[in-house]
Amino acid sequence: MTDLTRLPASILREQIAAKKVSPVELTKAVLARAEKLQPVLNCFITIAGEQALKAAHAAEAAMMEGKPLGLLHGIPFAAKDLVNTAGVRTTFGSLLHEDNVPKEDAVAAARMKQAGAILFGKTTTPEFGHKALTDAPLFGRTRNAWSAAHTSGGSSGGAAVAVATGIGPIGIATDGGGSTRIPAAANGMVGLKQSNGVIPHSQVADAFGNYTYVTPMTRTVMDTALMLQAMAGPHPSDPWSIGLAPQDYIAAARPEGTLNGKRILFSASFGKTTVAKEVRAAFERALGKLRALGAELIELDEDLPDMEPIWKVINHTTWKARFDDLIRRDGNRMSSSLVRQVAMAAEWSGADYQRAQFQRTELFRRVQGWFETADYLVTPTLSRTALPIDQDLFEPIRVDGVEVGELRRNWFPYTMPFNITGHPALTLCCGYDSEGLPIGLQIVGRFRDDASVLRAAALYENSEDWLSRWPDL
């Protein structure tokens, strides 16, 4: 049972197809591990054991009858509790939706099921995914997979911790400013924020101005490719997806060949970020690995504009439109950190919002300019490893013991820009600090060239042995 929960989806699908692994046994193993570790980790809001076992028996029957099997046939997956799942409670981490049961799946969840994957639970998120720390009035706080003294990150903290601890091999996450990549980096996982439109977002209220993404959360690059292959493709609900044919992500994620002829821009700090010594050392070591794979490395010689104010105007005004009425009615039952951020948006006018959109366009064009002469940009994913478990969103963070300022601007300035521009950005583990906490490397690629990002990530992953490490729980 323990061995099953340590296998990636890429191996499990082969074993299921060969009738060497039973979807029922696998699902029972996943549910048993979830039950055992949930009191320790608090990474689930809902575990859907009965529904999962029913689906597993159906998957096993199809397998034994020799029916055609989907890409992820019999593979258990969890979905972040912002993602609608038909017949399974979806709370958005909010007391106000504690008993909400959607009638329809989000497109991404529906496509996972169509590929044969088995939904077994809903992972923790801060209320409406509003911060990079995973706690909410509904369920409490989610700890890091590697340390009870540290945060899981957020807002997809539950998704990252569930995969990192072997509860399930894959999960659906979301990313609005780094919400997949932050907890993936903090827990040593692979987190992709794909290009805008690659995976349709059927729940976003403003599809045309969208900067949020429904994403894979996995342990390996190949598992990310499998999830992307299952979820990608046009859908009428998302205008950016229409006419966008999926690439062959699975072929791209095979670690074949080299990076010969590829030009990689790199930046350790985007010009103004304080970076922990151990993060910088791991980043420089990763650059050496990429150079050894044949890439030409060129340091980025320009600073990015301070993204946090631009992102905040776009994001907080969106939240004000979505949540203002809820707060007026039930604000005393909502997360104070969400209420406080929505209140900030009262300061901004429609013209302020539009100016932020102008800046968004300027940033997109600047990043496009970088990729006229380069194939990738690589950065650290976070300026330091996981923050303390009791870190407050509005309190300054510390890097190497020194107070450096506000959390968003100083912990994950590397992730927000690519939500705004839509370029694909993937994080994967590039080492551990002296406390045993994971360090993330972010690889950014050309707009809608997600396959190329997977190829670079797979080659880097194959050059390392970080996947042999598991948290000691």
Protein backbone atom coordinates (compact mmCIF):
# COMPACT_ATOMS: atom_id res chain seq x y z
CA MET A 1 0.00 0.00 0.00
CA THR A 2 2.79 2.42 0.91
CA ASP A 3 4.63 1.67 -2.33
CA LEU A 4 1.53 2.48 -4.40
CA THR A 5 1.29 5.95 -2.89
CA ARG A 6 4.89 6.68 -3.87
CA LEU A 7 4.45 5.98 -7.56
CA PRO A 8 3.87 8.83 -10.03
CA ALA A 9 0.80 8.85 -12.24
CA SER A 10 3.00 8.11 -15.27
CA ILE A 11 3.98 4.73 -13.79
CA LEU A 12 0.59 3.98 -12.25
CA ARG A 13 -1.22 4.41 -15.58
CA GLU A 14 1.13 1.89 -17.21
CA GLN A 15 0.69 -0.56 -14.33
CA ILE A 16 -3.11 -0.21 -14.48
CA ALA A 17 -3.15 -0.71 -18.25
CA ALA A 18 -1.04 -3.86 -17.79
CA LYS A 19 -3.45 -5.05 -15.04
CA LYS A 20 -0.62 -5.05 -12.51
CA VAL A 21 -2.27 -2.41 -10.31
CA SER A 22 -5.91 -2.38 -9.32
CA PRO A 23 -7.69 1.03 -9.38
CA VAL A 24 -9.65 -0.14 -6.33
CA GLU A 25 -6.52 -1.07 -4.35
CA LEU A 26 -4.85 2.18 -5.40
CA THR A 27 -7.86 4.27 -4.37
CA LYS A 28 -8.12 2.45 -1.04
CA ALA A 29 -4.42 3.12 -0.41
CA VAL A 30 -4.86 6.82 -1.21
CA LEU A 31 -7.92 7.12 1.03
CA ALA A 32 -6.17 5.30 3.89
CA ARG A 33 -3.17 7.63 3.65
CA ALA A 34 -5.47 10.67 3.51
CA GLU A 35 -7.29 9.50 6.65
CA LYS A 36 -4.00 8.87 8.44
CA LEU A 37 -2.30 12.16 7.54
CA GLN A 38 -5.21 14.61 7.47
CA PRO A 39 -5.06 15.17 11.28
CA VAL A 40 -1.34 15.95 10.92
CA LEU A 41 -1.37 18.09 7.75
CA ASN A 42 -4.92 19.48 7.47
CA CYS A 43 -4.67 19.57 3.68
CA PHE A 44 -8.27 18.54 2.86
CA ILE A 45 -11.63 20.21 3.39
CA THR A 46 -13.60 17.23 2.05
CA ILE A 47 -12.59 13.61 1.41
CA ALA A 48 -15.03 11.95 -0.98
CA GLY A 49 -14.29 8.33 -0.15
CA GLU A 50 -17.62 6.78 -1.10
CA GLN A 51 -17.74 8.47 -4.52
CA ALA A 52 -14.07 7.65 -5.16
CA LEU A 53 -14.50 3.94 -4.42
CA LYS A 54 -17.58 3.75 -6.63
CA ALA A 55 -15.60 5.31 -9.50
CA ALA A 56 -12.65 3.01 -8.79
CA HIS A 57 -14.82 -0.11 -9.06
CA ALA A 58 -16.18 1.16 -12.39
CA ALA A 59 -12.62 1.86 -13.59
CA GLU A 60 -11.52 -1.62 -12.57
CA ALA A 61 -14.45 -3.24 -14.35
CA ALA A 62 -13.61 -1.35 -17.54
CA MET A 63 -9.98 -2.42 -17.23
CA MET A 64 -10.85 -6.09 -16.72
CA GLU A 65 -13.32 -6.03 -19.63
CA GLY A 66 -10.62 -4.74 -21.96
CA LYS A 67 -12.41 -1.49 -22.75
CA PRO A 68 -10.40 1.48 -24.12
CA LEU A 69 -8.74 3.29 -21.24
CA GLY A 70 -8.36 7.03 -20.85
CA LEU A 71 -5.07 8.86 -20.38
CA LEU A 72 -5.40 8.81 -16.57
CA HIS A 73 -7.60 5.76 -16.16
CA GLY A 74 -7.91 4.74 -12.52
CA ILE A 75 -5.59 7.47 -11.20
CA PRO A 76 -6.88 9.23 -8.05
CA PHE A 77 -6.73 13.02 -8.03
CA ALA A 78 -7.75 15.78 -5.62
CA ALA A 79 -9.08 19.20 -6.64
CA LYS A 80 -8.53 22.49 -4.87
CA ASP A 81 -11.74 23.57 -3.18
CA LEU A 82 -12.12 26.54 -5.52
CA VAL A 83 -12.79 24.17 -8.43
CA ASN A 84 -16.39 23.06 -8.96
CA THR A 85 -16.98 19.31 -8.68
CA ALA A 86 -20.40 17.86 -9.44
CA GLY A 87 -21.98 16.19 -6.43
CA VAL A 88 -18.97 16.88 -4.19
CA ARG A 89 -18.98 19.76 -1.72
CA THR A 90 -17.09 22.84 -2.96
CA THR A 91 -16.72 25.49 -0.25
CA PHE A 92 -14.16 27.98 -1.64
CA GLY A 93 -12.70 27.78 1.88
CA SER A 94 -15.61 29.91 3.10
CA LEU A 95 -18.10 29.45 5.90
CA LEU A 96 -20.62 31.12 3.59
CA HIS A 97 -20.42 28.14 1.19
CA GLU A 98 -19.88 25.40 3.75
CA ASP A 99 -22.71 23.26 2.35
CA ASN A 100 -22.40 24.19 -1.35
CA VAL A 101 -22.61 21.18 -3.70
CA PRO A 102 -22.25 22.09 -7.40
CA LYS A 103 -24.38 20.38 -10.00
CA GLU A 104 -21.68 20.61 -12.68
CA ASP A 105 -17.93 20.11 -12.86
CA ALA A 106 -15.58 22.86 -13.89
CA VAL A 107 -14.27 22.08 -17.39
CA ALA A 108 -10.85 21.07 -16.02
CA ALA A 109 -12.38 18.64 -13.50
CA ALA A 110 -14.74 17.22 -16.11
CA ARG A 111 -11.84 16.57 -18.46
CA MET A 112 -9.86 14.80 -15.75
CA LYS A 113 -12.82 12.48 -15.20
CA GLN A 114 -13.23 11.98 -18.95
CA ALA A 115 -9.58 10.86 -19.00
CA GLY A 116 -10.47 8.23 -16.38
CA ALA A 117 -9.09 9.97 -13.28
CA ILE A 118 -10.90 9.45 -9.95
CA LEU A 119 -11.76 12.43 -7.73
CA PHE A 120 -11.13 11.53 -4.08
CA GLY A 121 -11.05 14.86 -2.25
CA LYS A 122 -11.06 18.66 -2.15
CA THR A 123 -7.88 20.33 -0.92
CA THR A 124 -7.55 23.31 1.37
CA THR A 125 -7.43 26.92 0.22
CA PRO A 126 -7.63 30.25 2.00
CA GLU A 127 -11.06 31.80 1.56
CA PHE A 128 -11.61 32.36 -2.18
CA GLY A 129 -7.85 31.77 -2.68
CA HIS A 130 -7.05 35.27 -1.48
CA LYS A 131 -3.50 34.85 -0.11
CA ALA A 132 -0.26 32.90 -0.27
CA LEU A 133 -0.84 31.32 3.15
CA THR A 134 -3.32 28.46 3.50
CA ASP A 135 -5.70 29.01 6.39
CA ALA A 136 -9.38 29.91 6.63
CA PRO A 137 -12.17 30.17 9.22
CA LEU A 138 -13.75 27.03 7.75
CA PHE A 139 -10.90 24.57 8.38
CA GLY A 140 -7.93 26.21 10.13
CA ARG A 141 -4.32 26.13 8.96
CA THR A 142 -2.43 23.78 6.61
CA ARG A 143 1.20 23.03 7.50
CA ASN A 144 4.16 22.48 5.21
CA ALA A 145 4.85 18.90 4.09
CA TRP A 146 8.43 19.11 5.37
CA SER A 147 7.99 21.06 8.60
CA ALA A 148 5.14 21.63 11.05
CA ALA A 149 6.79 24.95 11.93
CA HIS A 150 6.37 26.35 8.40
CA THR A 151 3.54 27.37 6.08
CA SER A 152 2.43 25.30 3.13
CA GLY A 153 2.31 28.49 1.08
CA GLY A 154 -0.84 29.26 -0.85
CA SER A 155 -3.33 29.55 -2.04
CA SER A 156 -3.05 25.95 -3.35
CA GLY A 157 -1.35 24.85 -0.14
CA GLY A 158 -3.52 21.78 0.35
CA ALA A 159 -2.94 20.58 -3.21
CA ALA A 160 0.85 20.86 -2.86
CA VAL A 161 0.99 19.18 0.56
CA ALA A 162 -1.26 16.29 -0.51
CA VAL A 163 1.00 15.49 -3.46
CA ALA A 164 4.25 16.09 -1.56
CA THR A 165 3.27 13.62 1.17
CA GLY A 166 2.10 10.91 -1.22
CA ILE A 167 -1.60 11.14 -0.37
CA GLY A 168 -2.41 11.35 -4.07
CA PRO A 169 -0.12 11.49 -7.10
CA ILE A 170 -1.74 14.51 -8.79
CA GLY A 171 -4.09 17.39 -8.04
CA ILE A 172 -5.86 20.33 -9.62
CA ALA A 173 -4.73 23.71 -8.28
CA THR A 174 -5.29 27.34 -9.28
CA ASP A 175 -2.92 30.28 -9.77
CA GLY A 176 -3.90 33.97 -9.64
CA GLY A 177 -0.55 35.52 -8.66
CA GLY A 178 1.56 32.46 -7.95
CA SER A 179 -0.96 30.32 -6.07
CA THR A 180 0.23 27.09 -7.72
CA ARG A 181 3.93 27.88 -7.97
CA ILE A 182 4.35 29.31 -4.44
CA PRO A 183 3.17 26.19 -2.55
CA ALA A 184 4.76 23.91 -5.15
CA ALA A 185 8.11 25.58 -4.47
CA ALA A 186 7.59 25.64 -0.71
CA ASN A 187 6.88 21.88 -0.73
CA GLY A 188 9.31 20.74 -3.46
CA MET A 189 6.69 19.93 -6.11
CA VAL A 190 6.20 20.72 -9.81
CA GLY A 191 3.74 23.57 -10.31
CA LEU A 192 2.83 24.87 -13.76
CA LYS A 193 0.94 28.05 -14.57
CA GLN A 194 0.29 27.39 -18.22
CA SER A 195 -0.23 30.02 -20.91
CA ASN A 196 -3.52 31.88 -20.88
CA GLY A 197 -6.18 29.81 -22.65
CA VAL A 198 -4.35 26.47 -22.71
CA ILE A 199 -6.63 25.01 -20.00
CA PRO A 200 -10.08 26.63 -20.22
CA HIS A 201 -11.20 28.49 -17.09
CA SER A 202 -14.95 27.98 -17.00
CA GLN A 203 -15.52 29.64 -13.60
CA VAL A 204 -13.73 32.97 -13.97
CA ALA A 205 -16.15 35.92 -13.88
CA ASP A 206 -14.13 38.15 -16.25
CA ALA A 207 -12.96 35.80 -18.97
CA PHE A 208 -11.61 38.60 -21.18
CA GLY A 209 -9.49 40.26 -18.49
CA ASN A 210 -8.50 36.96 -16.92
CA TYR A 211 -5.21 36.55 -15.03
CA THR A 212 -6.14 33.38 -13.06
CA TYR A 213 -5.51 29.78 -14.13
CA VAL A 214 -6.71 26.27 -13.30
CA THR A 215 -3.51 24.24 -13.16
CA PRO A 216 -1.79 20.89 -12.55
CA MET A 217 -0.02 20.15 -9.25
CA THR A 218 2.28 17.12 -9.41
CA ARG A 219 5.50 15.59 -8.19
CA THR A 220 7.07 15.09 -11.63
CA VAL A 221 7.24 16.98 -14.92
CA MET A 222 5.77 14.01 -16.79
CA ASP A 223 2.76 13.95 -14.48
CA THR A 224 2.25 17.66 -15.15
CA ALA A 225 2.34 16.89 -18.88
CA LEU A 226 -0.25 14.13 -18.46
CA MET A 227 -2.60 16.44 -16.58
CA LEU A 228 -2.06 19.23 -19.10
CA GLN A 229 -2.80 16.85 -21.96
CA ALA A 230 -6.01 15.78 -20.26
CA MET A 231 -7.26 19.28 -19.41
CA ALA A 232 -6.07 21.34 -22.41
CA GLY A 233 -8.06 22.25 -25.49
CA PRO A 234 -10.63 24.83 -26.57
CA HIS A 235 -13.97 25.30 -24.82
CA PRO A 236 -16.79 27.78 -25.48
CA SER A 237 -16.64 29.14 -21.90
CA ASP A 238 -13.16 30.61 -22.30
CA PRO A 239 -12.52 32.99 -25.23
CA TRP A 240 -8.72 32.66 -24.90
CA SER A 241 -8.97 28.90 -25.42
CA ILE A 242 -10.97 29.02 -28.65
CA GLY A 243 -8.95 27.93 -31.67
CA LEU A 244 -6.01 26.88 -29.49
CA ALA A 245 -5.03 23.29 -30.25
CA PRO A 246 -3.11 21.39 -27.55
CA GLN A 247 0.55 20.56 -28.15
CA ASP A 248 2.02 17.11 -27.56
CA TYR A 249 2.90 17.76 -23.93
CA ILE A 250 3.70 14.13 -23.16
CA ALA A 251 6.35 13.90 -25.87
CA ALA A 252 7.77 17.24 -24.72
CA ALA A 253 8.15 15.98 -21.13
CA ARG A 254 10.43 13.11 -22.06
CA PRO A 255 13.95 14.07 -20.97
CA GLU A 256 15.50 13.49 -24.38
CA GLY A 257 18.23 15.50 -26.06
CA THR A 258 19.96 18.61 -24.74
CA LEU A 259 19.51 22.36 -24.49
CA ASN A 260 22.13 22.96 -27.17
CA GLY A 261 21.37 26.16 -29.07
CA LYS A 262 18.94 27.43 -26.42
CA ARG A 263 19.44 30.88 -24.91
CA ILE A 264 18.36 31.35 -21.29
CA LEU A 265 17.95 34.72 -19.65
CA PHE A 266 18.37 34.57 -15.88
CA SER A 267 17.78 36.87 -12.96
CA ALA A 268 18.30 36.05 -9.30
CA SER A 269 16.53 39.14 -7.97
CA PHE A 270 14.71 41.04 -10.74
CA GLY A 271 16.97 43.90 -9.72
CA LYS A 272 15.52 44.72 -6.33
CA THR A 273 14.58 41.59 -4.36
CA THR A 274 16.54 40.44 -1.33
CA VAL A 275 17.33 36.76 -1.89
CA ALA A 276 18.29 34.27 0.82
CA LYS A 277 21.90 33.07 0.58
CA GLU A 278 20.88 29.40 0.31
CA VAL A 279 18.29 30.18 -2.38
CA ARG A 280 20.88 32.12 -4.38
CA ALA A 281 23.39 29.27 -4.02
CA ALA A 282 20.84 26.68 -5.19
CA PHE A 283 19.86 28.94 -8.08
CA GLU A 284 23.47 29.36 -9.20
CA ARG A 285 23.97 25.61 -8.99
CA ALA A 286 20.85 25.08 -11.14
CA LEU A 287 22.23 27.54 -13.70
CA GLY A 288 25.34 25.37 -13.85
CA LYS A 289 23.20 22.32 -14.59
CA LEU A 290 21.39 24.19 -17.39
CA ARG A 291 24.73 25.31 -18.82
CA ALA A 292 25.96 21.69 -18.68
CA LEU A 293 22.86 20.68 -20.66
CA GLY A 294 24.11 22.94 -23.46
CA ALA A 295 22.23 26.20 -22.89
CA GLU A 296 23.77 29.64 -23.32
CA LEU A 297 23.08 31.74 -20.20
CA ILE A 298 22.67 35.51 -20.34
CA GLU A 299 21.93 37.61 -17.28
CA LEU A 300 18.85 39.83 -17.66
CA ASP A 301 20.17 43.39 -17.61
CA GLU A 302 16.93 45.23 -16.88
CA ASP A 303 14.69 45.46 -13.84
CA LEU A 304 11.02 44.61 -13.95
CA PRO A 305 8.62 47.30 -12.79
CA ASP A 306 7.31 46.74 -9.27
CA MET A 307 4.56 44.28 -10.08
CA GLU A 308 2.78 44.20 -6.75
CA PRO A 309 0.99 47.58 -7.11
CA ILE A 310 -0.12 46.77 -10.69
CA TRP A 311 -1.34 43.30 -9.73
CA LYS A 312 -3.02 44.63 -6.60
CA VAL A 313 -5.13 47.23 -8.43
CA ILE A 314 -6.32 44.65 -10.98
CA ASN A 315 -6.83 41.91 -8.41
CA HIS A 316 -8.38 43.85 -5.51
CA THR A 317 -10.86 45.71 -7.72
CA THR A 318 -11.89 42.33 -9.13
CA TRP A 319 -12.40 41.08 -5.58
CA LYS A 320 -14.39 44.19 -4.69
CA ALA A 321 -16.77 43.52 -7.57
CA ARG A 322 -17.09 39.87 -6.55
CA PHE A 323 -17.21 40.08 -2.76
CA ASP A 324 -18.41 43.54 -1.72
CA ASP A 325 -22.03 42.45 -1.28
CA LEU A 326 -20.97 39.33 0.64
CA ILE A 327 -18.85 41.42 2.98
CA ARG A 328 -21.64 43.92 3.61
CA ARG A 329 -23.92 41.04 4.56
CA ASP A 330 -21.59 38.52 6.25
CA GLY A 331 -18.17 40.14 6.62
CA ASN A 332 -17.96 39.10 10.28
CA ARG A 333 -17.92 35.44 9.14
CA MET A 334 -15.22 35.98 6.50
CA SER A 335 -11.41 36.07 6.69
CA SER A 336 -10.34 39.45 8.03
CA SER A 337 -7.40 39.49 5.60
CA LEU A 338 -9.79 39.20 2.64
CA VAL A 339 -12.13 41.88 4.02
CA ARG A 340 -9.17 44.22 4.56
CA GLN A 341 -7.90 43.79 1.00
CA VAL A 342 -11.32 44.38 -0.55
CA ALA A 343 -11.53 47.59 1.49
CA MET A 344 -8.27 48.77 -0.11
CA ALA A 345 -9.96 48.77 -3.52
CA ALA A 346 -12.27 51.59 -2.43
CA GLU A 347 -9.31 53.92 -2.99
CA TRP A 348 -9.10 53.14 -6.72
CA SER A 349 -11.20 54.52 -9.55
CA GLY A 350 -12.13 53.02 -12.89
CA ALA A 351 -9.31 55.10 -14.39
CA ASP A 352 -6.84 53.54 -11.92
CA TYR A 353 -7.98 50.10 -13.02
CA GLN A 354 -7.59 51.00 -16.68
CA ARG A 355 -4.10 52.44 -16.08
CA ALA A 356 -3.14 49.14 -14.46
CA GLN A 357 -4.38 47.38 -17.60
CA PHE A 358 -2.22 49.73 -19.70
CA GLN A 359 0.75 48.70 -17.55
CA ARG A 360 -0.23 45.07 -18.04
CA THR A 361 0.04 45.57 -21.81
CA GLU A 362 3.40 47.32 -21.46
CA LEU A 363 4.72 44.42 -19.37
CA PHE A 364 3.49 41.85 -21.89
CA ARG A 365 5.27 43.66 -24.71
CA ARG A 366 8.47 43.92 -22.68
CA VAL A 367 8.48 40.19 -21.91
CA GLN A 368 7.70 39.45 -25.55
CA GLY A 369 10.79 41.47 -26.42
CA TRP A 370 12.94 39.27 -24.19
CA PHE A 371 11.77 36.17 -26.05
CA GLU A 372 12.70 37.59 -29.44
CA THR A 373 16.30 36.64 -28.65
CA ALA A 374 15.92 34.11 -25.83
CA ASP A 375 14.09 30.81 -25.39
CA TYR A 376 13.60 30.89 -21.62
CA LEU A 377 13.82 33.06 -18.54
CA VAL A 378 14.81 31.37 -15.27
CA THR A 379 14.51 32.81 -11.78
CA PRO A 380 14.14 31.54 -8.25
CA THR A 381 10.46 30.87 -7.54
CA LEU A 382 10.60 32.40 -4.05
CA SER A 383 13.12 34.72 -2.40
CA ARG A 384 13.39 32.36 0.58
CA THR A 385 12.05 28.96 1.63
CA ALA A 386 8.71 28.49 3.41
CA LEU A 387 7.73 31.20 5.87
CA PRO A 388 6.91 30.45 9.53
CA ILE A 389 3.52 28.82 10.07
CA ASP A 390 2.23 31.86 11.97
CA GLN A 391 3.28 34.45 9.35
CA ASP A 392 0.64 37.16 8.89
CA LEU A 393 -0.14 38.43 5.39
CA PHE A 394 0.28 42.07 6.42
CA GLU A 395 3.41 41.68 8.53
CA PRO A 396 6.88 42.03 6.96
CA ILE A 397 8.83 38.88 6.16
CA ARG A 398 12.43 38.13 7.12
CA VAL A 399 15.14 36.88 4.77
CA ASP A 400 18.28 35.48 6.45
CA GLY A 401 17.08 37.03 9.70
CA VAL A 402 16.67 40.53 8.27
CA GLU A 403 13.28 42.21 7.92
CA VAL A 404 12.77 43.05 4.23
CA GLY A 405 9.18 44.26 4.01
CA GLU A 406 5.74 43.30 2.69
CA LEU A 407 5.06 39.62 1.93
CA ARG A 408 3.87 39.70 -1.69
CA ARG A 409 6.46 42.13 -2.99
CA ASN A 410 9.34 40.42 -1.19
CA TRP A 411 8.54 36.68 -1.17
CA PHE A 412 7.18 36.02 -4.66
CA PRO A 413 7.87 38.93 -7.01
CA TYR A 414 8.92 36.32 -9.59
CA THR A 415 5.48 34.73 -10.01
CA MET A 416 3.02 37.65 -10.34
CA PRO A 417 4.34 39.06 -13.64
CA PHE A 418 3.44 35.96 -15.63
CA ASN A 419 -0.14 35.82 -14.38
CA ILE A 420 -0.45 39.30 -15.84
CA THR A 421 1.33 38.55 -19.15
CA GLY A 422 -0.02 35.01 -19.65
CA HIS A 423 3.37 33.40 -20.38
CA PRO A 424 3.89 29.80 -19.20
CA ALA A 425 5.87 29.50 -15.95
CA LEU A 426 6.80 26.29 -14.17
CA THR A 427 8.48 25.70 -10.82
CA LEU A 428 10.36 22.58 -9.79
CA CYS A 429 12.70 21.69 -6.96
CA CYS A 430 16.34 22.77 -7.26
CA GLY A 431 17.56 21.96 -3.76
CA TYR A 432 16.96 22.20 -0.02
CA ASP A 433 18.13 24.65 2.62
CA SER A 434 19.95 23.76 5.84
CA GLU A 435 16.59 23.18 7.59
CA GLY A 436 15.56 20.66 4.93
CA LEU A 437 13.04 23.00 3.28
CA PRO A 438 12.70 22.83 -0.53
CA ILE A 439 13.92 25.57 -2.90
CA GLY A 440 12.19 26.25 -6.22
CA LEU A 441 13.49 27.11 -9.69
CA GLN A 442 11.08 28.90 -12.07
CA ILE A 443 11.30 28.38 -15.84
CA VAL A 444 9.33 30.84 -18.01
CA GLY A 445 8.81 30.29 -21.73
CA ARG A 446 7.45 31.92 -24.83
CA PHE A 447 3.75 32.72 -24.91
CA ARG A 448 1.81 29.50 -25.56
CA ASP A 449 4.95 27.44 -26.03
CA ASP A 450 4.18 25.35 -22.95
CA ALA A 451 5.68 22.23 -24.51
CA SER A 452 9.10 23.89 -24.65
CA VAL A 453 8.92 24.75 -20.94
CA LEU A 454 8.10 21.12 -20.14
CA ARG A 455 11.08 19.96 -22.19
CA ALA A 456 13.54 22.23 -20.36
CA ALA A 457 12.05 21.27 -16.99
CA ALA A 458 12.21 17.56 -17.80
CA LEU A 459 15.87 17.80 -18.79
CA TYR A 460 16.70 19.71 -15.63
CA GLU A 461 14.68 17.30 -13.45
CA ASN A 462 16.53 14.37 -15.02
CA SER A 463 19.89 15.93 -14.13
CA GLU A 464 19.01 15.96 -10.42
CA ASP A 465 17.98 13.42 -7.79
CA TRP A 466 15.62 15.54 -5.68
CA LEU A 467 12.71 13.18 -6.46
CA SER A 468 14.31 10.54 -4.22
CA ARG A 469 13.53 12.68 -1.15
CA TRP A 470 10.27 12.32 0.79
CA PRO A 471 9.09 14.24 3.85
CA ASP A 472 9.65 12.43 7.16
CA LEU A 473 6.23 12.52 8.77
